[in-house]
Amino acid sequence: MPHPTDIADNTSPGAAQRSSLSVALVGSGGAGVMTAGNILLEAAATAGYYALMTRSSGPQIRGGEAAAMIRIATHPVECMDDRFHVLAGVDWENVHRFAAEISLAPDGVIVGDPGRGEAPLVFSRSGAAFEPLPLARIAKEISGGRANMVLLGYLAALLGLPEDALRQATASLLGKRPAALEASLVALAAGREAAPAAARLVLEPALAGPAARWLVTGNEATGLGAIVGGVRFVAAYPITPATELLEWLSPALASVGGVLVQAEDELASINMIIGSSFGGVPALTATSGPGLALMTESLGLAVAAEIPLVVVDVMRVGPSTGIPTKSEQGDLNIALCGLHGDAPHLVLAPNGVADCLQTAQWAVALAEALQAPAIVLADQFLGQARAVVDSPRDPRLYGKRLCAAVGSKDYQRYELTADGVSAMAIPGTVGAAYTADGLEHSERGTPSSQAADHVAQLGKRRRKLELHDYGALWADIEGAGEFAVVTFGSSTGPVREALARLPGHIPPIRLVSLRLLAPLPRDRLSEALAGVHKLLVIEQNESGQLFHYLRGVADLPPESSSLRKPGGQQFNPGEIAQHLIEWSGT
């Protein structure tokens, strides 16, 4: 039985051309690593390739070590590969801290300035060859020259990327700074001239793809999905890694007549969007785990008062401050169960960068139609990853709020309807005034301490979520067989690639990637798992939160088990593939 990394594309030494190449650019704060990484990513897109860039950094507010990790491929990519083919250092300051995240292929290349010392032993002992490049000297010979641009030109030549694509990408990023652009173009040319005459690592030619591709982050896609879905008010307090979502939304909302307010804290932001939605304007806030923890009491208010809203939680490593710059799927428990009392609400999770658009739009639609809060669980990997993706289709998911008409006769805001959804009046609607607060209430909204009213309203709030037809979007289901893997969010990419590597080596395995986590469509999950005798749940947290949740609310096959690991380091396809080989007994 071959090892998964041997099954994978491009990992065996001596391949003439590769369908996927992975590069890690590293350096200290201010060295321009992220700038160079973004230009390389855009150059790959311009040349017709798919690509993905993630980033890693130390815990410092300013400065510190930084890494831009880029995968370029002829096919769509949703995760990093098992190993990197190139480690390129502007300098080596604290680079050893990335050792667990940057595993080098034995036929890889380490590029660095010999004047800045050697790469840490943890990298050089991988077997990768060291290629010296006098970055400081070359940059010094250029007026305004930067070492990161010299290194970028060298890398493009090493990978066989077209010079025109690199120049075009550089102009796209630096075009508003003519002096910096001119110096950078000279530095790129100098770096290319210093590279070997023949490309050392060669990408296969880019295949003709769809007419349009997007270069987008998950946070940007989430923001666009929210706006397309109808959100016109956002209130939020900046927090890593959700801040870029807010930065993108601020001008985008203004362009469609919406407003973004930076609140003084998370408590203010959740209450502001409750007020906006109560007034008839669909609203959203974005945060991470610590902020979600502060919002739970007000989310309970939104459940009790049946006020639609969306909270995007871009998860990071916890608990408490945790590791703000690393990804983890550890907020599932609080998203599902963090509200006190019986408080039915929606929990959704995108399973890829492009899917952030569809999931955010669907969350707005569901919140509005069901008059309930929706929590969207993205994470640092999805939110901050920048990817070349096929143009996402517009799913046309628009939720229409059931509103009370002017002059409604005998209006009852919380009427006990068959489907649990009752008309919601906009403040000022003649004949439809009502009280909305966190107290239990009668159908009219009058506060009540009667058990009968409590039981009736509990059933109403539960019923409207359970009876709704969520259609096919609740999960992505791929493949067939008596074995199955269930996962969610950013774990989907490496699972999908691991399964793609293994046909012919293990029995067929079906994949179920959950998009709707609460309320869980149990009947549909049972249908999706019909005939499955052995189940594996894969997730990025230490305690197996999804596994235990599914065991508690669904009928799983008797032979069900869990593969999980905490965040800080993402799953790669090879380790999942290896586990699947052992798990399947082949």
Protein backbone atom coordinates (compact mmCIF):
# COMPACT_ATOMS: atom_id res chain seq x y z
CA MET A 1 0.00 0.00 0.00
CA PRO A 2 1.55 3.33 -1.06
CA HIS A 3 1.88 6.18 1.39
CA PRO A 4 -0.60 9.05 0.79
CA THR A 5 2.16 11.52 -0.01
CA ASP A 6 3.32 9.19 -2.77
CA ILE A 7 -0.23 9.03 -4.14
CA ALA A 8 -0.47 12.83 -4.17
CA ASP A 9 0.39 14.89 -7.21
CA ASN A 10 3.92 16.26 -7.52
CA THR A 11 5.47 14.91 -4.34
CA SER A 12 7.83 12.39 -5.90
CA PRO A 13 11.33 13.70 -6.68
CA GLY A 14 12.30 14.30 -10.26
CA ALA A 15 8.90 15.24 -11.69
CA ALA A 16 9.48 17.28 -14.85
CA GLN A 17 6.26 19.24 -14.53
CA ARG A 18 3.92 19.56 -11.61
CA SER A 19 0.22 20.30 -11.41
CA SER A 20 0.71 21.91 -7.98
CA LEU A 21 3.58 23.80 -6.35
CA SER A 22 3.76 25.23 -2.84
CA VAL A 23 5.92 28.16 -1.76
CA ALA A 24 6.51 29.63 1.71
CA LEU A 25 7.81 33.20 1.94
CA VAL A 26 9.15 34.09 5.37
CA GLY A 27 10.73 37.06 7.09
CA SER A 28 10.51 39.47 9.98
CA GLY A 29 7.89 42.18 10.36
CA GLY A 30 8.35 44.93 7.78
CA ALA A 31 10.29 42.70 5.38
CA GLY A 32 7.40 42.76 2.89
CA VAL A 33 6.61 39.06 2.99
CA MET A 34 2.83 39.54 2.65
CA THR A 35 3.25 42.06 -0.17
CA ALA A 36 5.42 39.64 -2.10
CA GLY A 37 3.02 36.78 -1.39
CA ASN A 38 0.01 38.73 -2.66
CA ILE A 39 1.85 39.70 -5.85
CA LEU A 40 2.88 36.08 -6.44
CA LEU A 41 -0.72 34.96 -5.91
CA GLU A 42 -2.09 37.55 -8.33
CA ALA A 43 0.61 36.72 -10.88
CA ALA A 44 -0.45 33.08 -10.75
CA ALA A 45 -4.08 34.13 -11.29
CA THR A 46 -3.08 36.36 -14.20
CA ALA A 47 -1.21 33.44 -15.77
CA GLY A 48 -4.38 31.32 -15.60
CA TYR A 49 -3.65 29.20 -12.54
CA TYR A 50 -5.71 28.47 -9.47
CA ALA A 51 -3.99 29.47 -6.26
CA LEU A 52 -4.44 29.76 -2.51
CA MET A 53 -2.55 31.91 -0.01
CA THR A 54 -2.70 31.62 3.75
CA ARG A 55 -0.66 33.51 6.26
CA SER A 56 0.84 32.95 9.65
CA SER A 57 2.39 35.31 12.13
CA GLY A 58 3.52 35.58 15.70
CA PRO A 59 1.38 37.01 18.51
CA GLN A 60 2.94 40.48 18.39
CA ILE A 61 0.74 43.47 17.66
CA ARG A 62 3.49 44.88 15.43
CA GLY A 63 6.53 43.25 13.91
CA GLY A 64 7.50 39.68 14.63
CA GLU A 65 7.91 36.76 12.27
CA ALA A 66 5.57 36.35 9.29
CA ALA A 67 4.95 33.69 6.66
CA ALA A 68 2.98 33.83 3.42
CA MET A 69 2.16 30.33 2.19
CA ILE A 70 1.07 30.00 -1.44
CA ARG A 71 -0.10 26.99 -3.40
CA ILE A 72 -0.34 27.34 -7.18
CA ALA A 73 -2.10 24.66 -9.23
CA THR A 74 -3.74 23.81 -12.53
CA HIS A 75 -6.86 22.70 -10.62
CA PRO A 76 -8.97 24.27 -7.85
CA VAL A 77 -7.29 24.05 -4.42
CA GLU A 78 -9.03 24.37 -1.05
CA CYS A 79 -6.16 23.61 1.31
CA MET A 80 -2.40 23.58 1.52
CA ASP A 81 -0.49 20.53 0.31
CA ASP A 82 1.38 18.19 2.67
CA ARG A 83 4.76 19.72 1.89
CA PHE A 84 6.29 22.87 0.46
CA HIS A 85 8.56 22.85 -2.56
CA VAL A 86 10.20 26.21 -1.86
CA LEU A 87 11.12 28.03 1.35
CA ALA A 88 12.19 31.58 0.51
CA GLY A 89 13.51 33.80 3.28
CA VAL A 90 13.97 37.56 3.16
CA ASP A 91 15.59 36.85 6.52
CA TRP A 92 15.44 33.97 9.02
CA GLU A 93 14.36 35.83 12.17
CA ASN A 94 12.35 33.41 14.35
CA VAL A 95 11.47 31.35 11.27
CA HIS A 96 11.96 28.17 13.30
CA ARG A 97 8.58 28.94 14.88
CA PHE A 98 6.96 27.95 11.59
CA ALA A 99 8.62 24.54 11.50
CA ALA A 100 5.41 22.62 12.20
CA GLU A 101 3.51 24.57 9.51
CA ILE A 102 6.15 24.46 6.78
CA SER A 103 7.24 20.90 6.06
CA LEU A 104 9.67 20.86 3.14
CA ALA A 105 9.70 18.23 0.40
CA PRO A 106 13.06 16.38 0.16
CA ASP A 107 13.49 17.60 -3.42
CA GLY A 108 12.61 21.15 -2.37
CA VAL A 109 14.61 24.34 -2.50
CA ILE A 110 15.62 26.82 0.21
CA VAL A 111 16.39 30.31 -1.09
CA GLY A 112 18.05 32.91 1.09
CA ASP A 113 20.76 35.53 1.46
CA PRO A 114 23.99 33.88 2.65
CA GLY A 115 24.84 37.20 4.28
CA ARG A 116 21.86 36.76 6.63
CA GLY A 117 23.04 33.34 7.79
CA GLU A 118 21.75 29.88 7.06
CA ALA A 119 18.18 28.66 7.31
CA PRO A 120 17.40 26.99 10.65
CA LEU A 121 18.52 23.39 10.84
CA VAL A 122 14.93 22.20 11.20
CA PHE A 123 14.45 23.14 7.53
CA SER A 124 17.83 22.38 6.03
CA ARG A 125 17.89 18.81 7.36
CA SER A 126 14.81 18.03 5.23
CA GLY A 127 17.16 17.39 2.31
CA ALA A 128 16.09 20.51 0.43
CA ALA A 129 18.90 22.16 -1.52
CA PHE A 130 20.08 25.63 -0.48
CA GLU A 131 20.31 28.23 -3.26
CA PRO A 132 22.17 31.37 -2.16
CA LEU A 133 20.82 34.71 -3.35
CA PRO A 134 22.57 37.94 -2.24
CA LEU A 135 19.33 39.82 -1.66
CA ALA A 136 20.77 42.71 0.35
CA ARG A 137 23.55 43.40 -2.14
CA ILE A 138 21.26 43.30 -5.20
CA ALA A 139 18.62 45.47 -3.54
CA LYS A 140 21.22 48.02 -2.43
CA GLU A 141 22.35 48.48 -6.04
CA ILE A 142 18.83 49.59 -7.02
CA SER A 143 17.51 53.01 -6.07
CA GLY A 144 14.56 52.29 -3.80
CA GLY A 145 15.14 48.57 -4.22
CA ARG A 146 13.59 46.10 -1.78
CA ALA A 147 14.90 42.63 -0.98
CA ASN A 148 11.40 41.12 -1.10
CA MET A 149 10.97 42.23 -4.72
CA VAL A 150 14.33 40.76 -5.71
CA LEU A 151 13.32 37.50 -4.07
CA LEU A 152 9.96 37.58 -5.85
CA GLY A 153 11.58 37.94 -9.26
CA TYR A 154 13.88 35.02 -8.48
CA LEU A 155 10.95 32.85 -7.37
CA ALA A 156 8.92 33.57 -10.50
CA ALA A 157 11.83 32.42 -12.63
CA LEU A 158 12.33 29.36 -10.42
CA LEU A 159 8.69 28.36 -10.91
CA GLY A 160 8.46 29.25 -14.57
CA LEU A 161 5.81 31.94 -14.10
CA PRO A 162 5.57 34.36 -17.05
CA GLU A 163 7.38 37.65 -16.57
CA ASP A 164 4.45 39.62 -17.97
CA ALA A 165 2.09 38.13 -15.38
CA LEU A 166 4.42 39.13 -12.56
CA ARG A 167 4.87 42.67 -13.85
CA GLN A 168 1.12 43.06 -14.32
CA ALA A 169 0.41 41.84 -10.78
CA THR A 170 3.02 44.21 -9.36
CA ALA A 171 1.53 47.14 -11.24
CA SER A 172 -1.93 46.18 -9.94
CA LEU A 173 -0.75 46.36 -6.33
CA LEU A 174 1.70 49.28 -6.54
CA GLY A 175 0.26 51.31 -9.42
CA LYS A 176 -0.76 54.21 -7.19
CA ARG A 177 2.85 54.62 -6.02
CA PRO A 178 4.84 55.28 -9.23
CA ALA A 179 8.27 55.49 -7.58
CA ALA A 180 7.75 52.25 -5.64
CA LEU A 181 6.44 50.52 -8.76
CA GLU A 182 9.42 51.58 -10.88
CA ALA A 183 11.92 50.41 -8.26
CA SER A 184 10.04 47.14 -7.78
CA LEU A 185 10.01 46.34 -11.51
CA VAL A 186 13.78 46.87 -11.64
CA ALA A 187 14.20 44.64 -8.57
CA LEU A 188 12.01 41.92 -10.12
CA ALA A 189 14.16 41.95 -13.24
CA ALA A 190 17.34 41.75 -11.15
CA GLY A 191 15.96 38.79 -9.21
CA ARG A 192 14.97 37.00 -12.40
CA GLU A 193 18.43 37.60 -13.86
CA ALA A 194 20.03 36.06 -10.76
CA ALA A 195 17.94 32.89 -11.08
CA PRO A 196 19.16 29.72 -12.84
CA ALA A 197 18.80 29.78 -16.60
CA ALA A 198 16.26 26.94 -16.53
CA ALA A 199 13.30 26.85 -14.18
CA ARG A 200 14.08 24.45 -11.33
CA LEU A 201 10.44 23.67 -10.49
CA VAL A 202 8.07 23.79 -13.43
CA LEU A 203 4.31 24.10 -13.30
CA GLU A 204 2.27 22.38 -15.96
CA PRO A 205 0.74 24.87 -18.39
CA ALA A 206 -2.44 26.45 -17.05
CA LEU A 207 -5.57 24.91 -18.50
CA ALA A 208 -8.28 26.99 -20.11
CA GLY A 209 -10.83 27.64 -17.39
CA PRO A 210 -14.12 29.46 -16.90
CA ALA A 211 -14.48 32.89 -18.43
CA ALA A 212 -14.31 34.48 -14.99
CA ARG A 213 -12.45 33.65 -11.82
CA TRP A 214 -12.33 35.59 -8.60
CA LEU A 215 -9.35 36.43 -6.43
CA VAL A 216 -11.06 36.79 -3.06
CA THR A 217 -10.75 36.09 0.66
CA GLY A 218 -13.39 34.26 2.65
CA ASN A 219 -14.06 37.42 4.65
CA GLU A 220 -14.68 39.39 1.45
CA ALA A 221 -16.96 36.67 0.07
CA THR A 222 -18.89 36.64 3.36
CA GLY A 223 -19.37 40.40 3.18
CA LEU A 224 -20.61 40.23 -0.39
CA GLY A 225 -23.01 37.42 0.45
CA ALA A 226 -24.45 39.45 3.30
CA ILE A 227 -24.98 42.51 1.11
CA VAL A 228 -26.54 40.48 -1.71
CA GLY A 229 -28.77 38.85 0.88
CA GLY A 230 -30.07 42.25 1.95
CA VAL A 231 -27.99 43.37 4.94
CA ARG A 232 -27.87 47.15 5.13
CA PHE A 233 -26.65 47.78 8.67
CA VAL A 234 -23.54 46.40 10.37
CA ALA A 235 -22.30 47.20 13.86
CA ALA A 236 -19.15 45.54 15.13
CA TYR A 237 -16.05 45.88 17.25
CA PRO A 238 -12.77 44.98 15.50
CA ILE A 239 -11.27 41.61 16.44
CA THR A 240 -8.80 39.29 14.71
CA PRO A 241 -9.51 37.52 12.38
CA ALA A 242 -12.86 39.16 11.57
CA THR A 243 -11.57 42.72 11.17
CA GLU A 244 -10.95 42.44 7.41
CA LEU A 245 -14.61 41.55 6.93
CA LEU A 246 -15.58 44.83 8.55
CA GLU A 247 -12.96 46.77 6.58
CA TRP A 248 -14.36 45.36 3.33
CA LEU A 249 -17.97 45.97 4.33
CA SER A 250 -17.53 49.63 5.30
CA PRO A 251 -17.21 51.08 1.76
CA ALA A 252 -19.24 48.28 0.18
CA LEU A 253 -22.24 48.98 2.39
CA ALA A 254 -22.01 52.71 1.72
CA SER A 255 -22.14 52.01 -2.02
CA VAL A 256 -25.58 50.39 -1.64
CA GLY A 257 -26.96 52.90 0.83
CA GLY A 258 -26.09 50.93 3.96
CA VAL A 259 -24.20 51.90 7.09
CA LEU A 260 -21.43 50.35 9.19
CA VAL A 261 -20.87 51.55 12.76
CA GLN A 262 -17.80 50.67 14.82
CA ALA A 263 -19.30 50.01 18.22
CA GLU A 264 -17.49 50.56 21.51
CA ASP A 265 -17.57 46.83 22.28
CA GLU A 266 -19.25 43.54 21.35
CA LEU A 267 -22.15 44.11 23.75
CA ALA A 268 -23.02 47.36 22.02
CA SER A 269 -22.68 45.87 18.55
CA ILE A 270 -25.12 43.00 19.09
CA ASN A 271 -27.68 45.30 20.67
CA MET A 272 -27.31 47.82 17.83
CA ILE A 273 -28.13 45.20 15.21
CA ILE A 274 -31.09 43.99 17.27
CA GLY A 275 -32.39 47.57 17.15
CA SER A 276 -31.76 47.85 13.41
CA SER A 277 -33.56 44.61 12.63
CA PHE A 278 -36.46 45.49 14.96
CA GLY A 279 -36.77 48.66 12.88
CA GLY A 280 -36.95 46.68 9.64
CA VAL A 281 -33.37 46.90 8.37
CA PRO A 282 -31.60 43.51 8.00
CA ALA A 283 -28.44 43.58 10.13
CA LEU A 284 -25.20 41.73 10.83
CA THR A 285 -22.25 41.76 13.17
CA ALA A 286 -18.92 39.97 12.85
CA THR A 287 -16.66 38.80 15.64
CA SER A 288 -14.55 35.91 16.89
CA GLY A 289 -14.91 33.55 19.85
CA PRO A 290 -14.31 36.05 22.69
CA GLY A 291 -16.85 38.42 21.16
CA LEU A 292 -19.44 35.69 20.63
CA ALA A 293 -19.14 34.79 24.30
CA LEU A 294 -20.11 38.37 25.21
CA MET A 295 -23.06 38.35 22.80
CA THR A 296 -24.89 35.28 24.07
CA GLU A 297 -27.29 37.08 26.45
CA SER A 298 -28.44 39.44 23.71
CA LEU A 299 -28.76 36.54 21.29
CA GLY A 300 -31.21 35.06 23.78
CA LEU A 301 -33.16 38.32 23.62
CA ALA A 302 -33.29 38.01 19.82
CA VAL A 303 -34.61 34.45 20.14
CA ALA A 304 -37.30 35.44 22.67
CA ALA A 305 -38.38 38.54 20.74
CA GLU A 306 -38.06 36.70 17.39
CA ILE A 307 -35.80 39.31 15.82
CA PRO A 308 -33.80 38.23 12.77
CA LEU A 309 -30.06 38.96 12.65
CA VAL A 310 -26.76 37.37 11.59
CA VAL A 311 -23.59 36.95 13.67
CA VAL A 312 -20.49 35.89 11.75
CA ASP A 313 -17.97 34.18 14.03
CA VAL A 314 -14.59 33.93 12.33
CA MET A 315 -13.23 31.33 14.74
CA ARG A 316 -9.69 31.31 16.10
CA VAL A 317 -7.78 29.22 18.60
CA GLY A 318 -9.25 29.47 22.10
CA PRO A 319 -10.13 29.59 24.89
CA SER A 320 -9.95 33.22 26.00
CA THR A 321 -7.49 35.19 23.87
CA GLY A 322 -6.02 31.90 22.62
CA ILE A 323 -3.96 32.33 19.47
CA PRO A 324 -5.66 35.12 17.49
CA THR A 325 -3.72 34.42 14.27
CA LYS A 326 -4.40 30.68 14.05
CA SER A 327 -7.47 28.72 12.98
CA GLU A 328 -9.62 26.30 14.97
CA GLN A 329 -13.19 24.96 14.90
CA GLY A 330 -13.58 25.22 18.66
CA ASP A 331 -16.61 27.54 18.88
CA LEU A 332 -19.11 24.93 17.72
CA ASN A 333 -20.30 24.12 21.23
CA ILE A 334 -20.95 27.74 22.22
CA ALA A 335 -22.65 28.45 18.88
CA LEU A 336 -24.96 25.47 19.32
CA CYS A 337 -25.55 25.52 23.08
CA GLY A 338 -24.20 28.77 24.49
CA LEU A 339 -27.57 30.48 24.95
CA HIS A 340 -29.33 29.91 28.27
CA GLY A 341 -32.75 28.28 28.38
CA ASP A 342 -34.35 26.59 25.38
CA ALA A 343 -33.32 29.03 22.65
CA PRO A 344 -33.65 27.57 19.14
CA HIS A 345 -31.59 29.44 16.57
CA LEU A 346 -29.71 28.83 13.32
CA VAL A 347 -26.07 27.77 13.01
CA LEU A 348 -24.43 27.53 9.59
CA ALA A 349 -20.88 26.95 8.33
CA PRO A 350 -19.32 27.63 4.91
CA ASN A 351 -17.09 24.82 3.64
CA GLY A 352 -14.78 26.82 1.40
CA VAL A 353 -13.63 30.32 0.51
CA ALA A 354 -16.11 30.65 -2.37
CA ASP A 355 -18.87 29.03 -0.30
CA CYS A 356 -18.63 31.89 2.22
CA LEU A 357 -20.70 33.96 -0.22
CA GLN A 358 -23.51 31.43 -0.55
CA THR A 359 -23.61 30.56 3.14
CA ALA A 360 -23.72 34.19 4.27
CA GLN A 361 -26.49 34.96 1.81
CA TRP A 362 -28.44 31.90 2.95
CA ALA A 363 -27.99 32.87 6.60
CA VAL A 364 -29.55 36.27 5.94
CA ALA A 365 -32.40 34.65 4.00
CA LEU A 366 -33.14 32.13 6.76
CA ALA A 367 -32.89 34.70 9.55
CA GLU A 368 -35.33 37.00 7.79
CA ALA A 369 -37.82 34.29 6.78
CA LEU A 370 -37.79 32.56 10.17
CA GLN A 371 -37.37 35.67 12.35
CA ALA A 372 -34.48 34.09 14.22
CA PRO A 373 -30.81 34.81 14.88
CA ALA A 374 -28.32 32.97 12.69
CA ILE A 375 -24.68 32.29 13.65
CA VAL A 376 -22.27 31.70 10.76
CA LEU A 377 -19.16 29.75 11.78
CA ALA A 378 -16.29 30.67 9.49
CA ASP A 379 -12.71 30.48 10.82
CA GLN A 380 -9.32 32.14 10.44
CA PHE A 381 -8.29 29.83 7.61
CA LEU A 382 -11.37 30.51 5.50
CA GLY A 383 -11.68 34.16 6.48
CA GLN A 384 -8.11 35.26 5.80
CA ALA A 385 -7.17 32.81 3.05
CA ARG A 386 -6.96 34.48 -0.35
CA ALA A 387 -7.83 32.21 -3.25
CA VAL A 388 -8.37 32.06 -6.98
CA VAL A 389 -11.78 30.43 -7.33
CA ASP A 390 -14.26 29.87 -10.11
CA SER A 391 -16.81 32.67 -10.12
CA PRO A 392 -19.42 31.68 -7.48
CA ARG A 393 -22.93 31.46 -8.82
CA ASP A 394 -25.58 33.67 -7.30
CA PRO A 395 -27.79 31.19 -5.39
CA ARG A 396 -30.71 33.66 -5.37
CA LEU A 397 -31.41 33.12 -1.70
CA TYR A 398 -33.55 35.98 -0.50
CA GLY A 399 -35.60 35.65 2.68
CA LYS A 400 -38.77 37.69 2.85
CA ARG A 401 -39.85 38.79 6.29
CA LEU A 402 -43.57 38.33 6.99
CA CYS A 403 -44.68 41.85 7.89
CA ALA A 404 -47.90 43.08 9.43
CA ALA A 405 -50.11 45.23 7.24
CA VAL A 406 -51.26 48.73 8.18
CA GLY A 407 -54.47 48.60 10.14
CA SER A 408 -54.07 44.92 11.05
CA LYS A 409 -57.18 43.87 12.92
CA ASP A 410 -56.61 42.32 16.32
CA TYR A 411 -52.84 42.13 15.65
CA GLN A 412 -50.97 39.45 17.62
CA ARG A 413 -47.22 39.67 17.11
CA TYR A 414 -46.56 36.19 18.51
CA GLU A 415 -49.61 34.44 17.12
CA LEU A 416 -49.47 30.64 17.38
CA THR A 417 -49.47 29.81 13.68
CA ALA A 418 -49.16 26.34 12.19
CA ASP A 419 -45.62 26.92 10.93
CA GLY A 420 -44.56 29.05 13.90
CA VAL A 421 -43.94 32.21 11.84
CA SER A 422 -46.10 35.23 12.73
CA ALA A 423 -46.30 38.68 11.17
CA MET A 424 -43.66 41.14 12.41
CA ALA A 425 -44.72 44.79 12.40
CA ILE A 426 -42.33 47.59 11.57
CA PRO A 427 -42.43 50.23 14.35
CA GLY A 428 -44.99 52.88 13.44
CA THR A 429 -47.26 50.49 11.55
CA VAL A 430 -50.77 51.73 12.30
CA GLY A 431 -52.74 49.24 14.36
CA ALA A 432 -49.77 46.93 14.92
CA ALA A 433 -47.97 48.23 17.99
CA TYR A 434 -46.49 45.59 20.28
CA THR A 435 -43.94 45.03 23.04
CA ALA A 436 -40.71 43.21 22.21
CA ASP A 437 -38.41 42.33 25.09
CA GLY A 438 -36.77 39.35 26.75
CA LEU A 439 -39.68 38.48 29.02
CA GLU A 440 -41.90 35.56 28.17
CA HIS A 441 -45.14 36.79 26.67
CA SER A 442 -48.57 36.01 25.35
CA GLU A 443 -49.48 35.99 21.66
CA ARG A 444 -50.01 39.76 21.84
CA GLY A 445 -46.56 40.31 23.31
CA THR A 446 -47.84 41.13 26.78
CA PRO A 447 -45.33 39.92 29.41
CA SER A 448 -46.61 36.76 31.08
CA SER A 449 -45.49 34.43 33.84
CA GLN A 450 -48.09 31.79 32.97
CA ALA A 451 -46.74 28.33 32.26
CA ALA A 452 -49.27 27.91 29.44
CA ASP A 453 -47.91 30.94 27.58
CA HIS A 454 -44.32 29.77 28.13
CA VAL A 455 -45.04 26.29 26.78
CA ALA A 456 -46.93 27.70 23.79
CA GLN A 457 -44.18 30.17 22.85
CA LEU A 458 -41.41 27.59 23.33
CA GLY A 459 -43.23 25.33 20.89
CA LYS A 460 -43.74 28.19 18.42
CA ARG A 461 -40.06 29.13 18.38
CA ARG A 462 -38.97 25.51 17.99
CA ARG A 463 -41.63 24.65 15.42
CA LYS A 464 -40.75 27.37 12.94
CA LEU A 465 -37.17 26.14 12.67
CA GLU A 466 -37.99 22.44 12.63
CA LEU A 467 -40.77 22.63 10.03
CA HIS A 468 -38.91 24.81 7.53
CA ASP A 469 -37.83 23.16 4.28
CA TYR A 470 -34.09 23.84 4.01
CA GLY A 471 -33.72 22.15 0.62
CA ALA A 472 -30.49 20.65 -0.64
CA LEU A 473 -28.17 23.30 0.78
CA TRP A 474 -28.07 21.72 4.24
CA ALA A 475 -24.98 19.71 3.19
CA ASP A 476 -22.73 18.82 0.28
CA ILE A 477 -22.91 15.06 -0.34
CA GLU A 478 -20.32 13.45 -2.60
CA GLY A 479 -19.57 9.85 -3.49
CA ALA A 480 -21.10 6.60 -2.27
CA GLY A 481 -20.15 3.48 -0.36
CA GLU A 482 -20.57 1.72 2.96
CA PHE A 483 -18.00 4.02 4.59
CA ALA A 484 -18.65 7.74 5.14
CA VAL A 485 -16.91 10.84 6.45
CA VAL A 486 -18.85 13.73 8.00
CA THR A 487 -17.15 17.09 8.44
CA PHE A 488 -17.82 20.83 8.27
CA GLY A 489 -16.20 24.17 7.48
CA SER A 490 -12.53 24.42 6.58
CA SER A 491 -11.94 20.73 7.32
CA THR A 492 -13.84 19.96 4.11
CA GLY A 493 -11.01 20.99 1.77
CA PRO A 494 -8.32 18.61 3.06
CA VAL A 495 -10.87 15.80 3.47
CA ARG A 496 -12.05 16.24 -0.11
CA GLU A 497 -8.48 16.21 -1.45
CA ALA A 498 -7.55 13.18 0.67
CA LEU A 499 -10.49 11.25 -0.78
CA ALA A 500 -9.52 12.31 -4.29
CA ARG A 501 -6.08 10.75 -3.81
CA LEU A 502 -7.30 7.34 -2.71
CA PRO A 503 -9.64 5.76 -5.33
CA GLY A 504 -8.38 2.28 -6.08
CA HIS A 505 -6.49 2.13 -2.79
CA ILE A 506 -9.38 1.95 -0.31
CA PRO A 507 -13.10 1.09 -0.50
CA PRO A 508 -15.39 3.89 -1.75
CA ILE A 509 -16.13 6.55 0.88
CA ARG A 510 -18.93 9.08 0.73
CA LEU A 511 -18.43 12.63 2.03
CA VAL A 512 -21.05 14.65 3.91
CA SER A 513 -20.00 18.26 4.53
CA LEU A 514 -22.57 19.92 6.77
CA ARG A 515 -23.59 23.49 5.98
CA LEU A 516 -26.61 23.65 8.31
CA LEU A 517 -25.61 22.57 11.80
CA ALA A 518 -28.67 23.75 13.71
CA PRO A 519 -31.36 22.80 13.44
CA LEU A 520 -29.74 19.62 12.15
CA PRO A 521 -31.93 18.02 9.45
CA ARG A 522 -31.83 14.61 11.07
CA ASP A 523 -34.05 12.85 8.55
CA ARG A 524 -31.93 14.09 5.67
CA LEU A 525 -28.75 13.09 7.46
CA SER A 526 -30.19 9.59 7.96
CA GLU A 527 -30.97 9.45 4.24
CA ALA A 528 -27.46 10.63 3.36
CA LEU A 529 -25.98 7.89 5.58
CA ALA A 530 -28.33 5.12 4.44
CA GLY A 531 -26.35 1.91 3.97
CA VAL A 532 -23.29 3.26 5.80
CA HIS A 533 -21.79 0.78 8.26
CA LYS A 534 -18.76 2.76 9.34
CA LEU A 535 -18.60 6.52 9.96
CA LEU A 536 -15.74 8.92 10.68
CA VAL A 537 -16.29 12.51 11.87
CA ILE A 538 -13.37 14.86 11.10
CA GLU A 539 -12.98 18.28 12.72
CA GLN A 540 -10.39 20.84 13.84
CA ASN A 541 -10.73 20.92 17.62
CA GLU A 542 -9.40 18.96 20.56
CA SER A 543 -12.58 17.56 22.09
CA GLY A 544 -14.52 16.28 19.07
CA GLN A 545 -17.38 18.76 19.42
CA LEU A 546 -19.13 17.84 16.15
CA PHE A 547 -18.78 14.12 16.85
CA HIS A 548 -20.40 14.38 20.27
CA TYR A 549 -23.11 16.71 18.99
CA LEU A 550 -24.06 14.30 16.20
CA ARG A 551 -24.09 11.36 18.59
CA GLY A 552 -26.46 13.29 20.84
CA VAL A 553 -29.01 14.38 18.24
CA ALA A 554 -28.76 11.92 15.32
CA ASP A 555 -28.86 8.19 14.71
CA LEU A 556 -25.32 7.36 13.66
CA PRO A 557 -24.03 3.97 12.50
CA PRO A 558 -22.91 1.83 15.46
CA GLU A 559 -19.31 1.93 14.28
CA SER A 560 -18.76 5.69 14.44
CA SER A 561 -15.49 7.32 15.45
CA SER A 562 -13.71 10.67 15.50
CA LEU A 563 -10.60 12.16 13.95
CA ARG A 564 -9.80 15.55 15.41
CA LYS A 565 -6.89 17.72 16.34
CA PRO A 566 -6.67 21.18 17.89
CA GLY A 567 -5.94 24.28 15.86
CA GLY A 568 -2.72 26.11 15.36
CA GLN A 569 -1.89 23.76 12.53
CA GLN A 570 -4.38 22.78 9.84
CA PHE A 571 -5.09 19.25 8.70
CA ASN A 572 -3.27 18.39 5.48
CA PRO A 573 -4.62 15.88 2.95
CA GLY A 574 -1.79 13.39 3.53
CA GLU A 575 -2.45 12.87 7.23
CA ILE A 576 -6.17 12.44 6.59
CA ALA A 577 -5.49 10.02 3.74
CA GLN A 578 -3.17 7.98 5.96
CA HIS A 579 -5.83 7.81 8.67
CA LEU A 580 -8.47 6.77 6.11
CA ILE A 581 -6.24 3.90 4.95
CA GLU A 582 -5.83 2.66 8.52
CA TRP A 583 -9.47 3.33 9.43
CA SER A 584 -10.85 1.49 6.41
CA GLY A 585 -8.72 -1.55 7.22
CA THR A 586 -6.99 -1.72 3.84
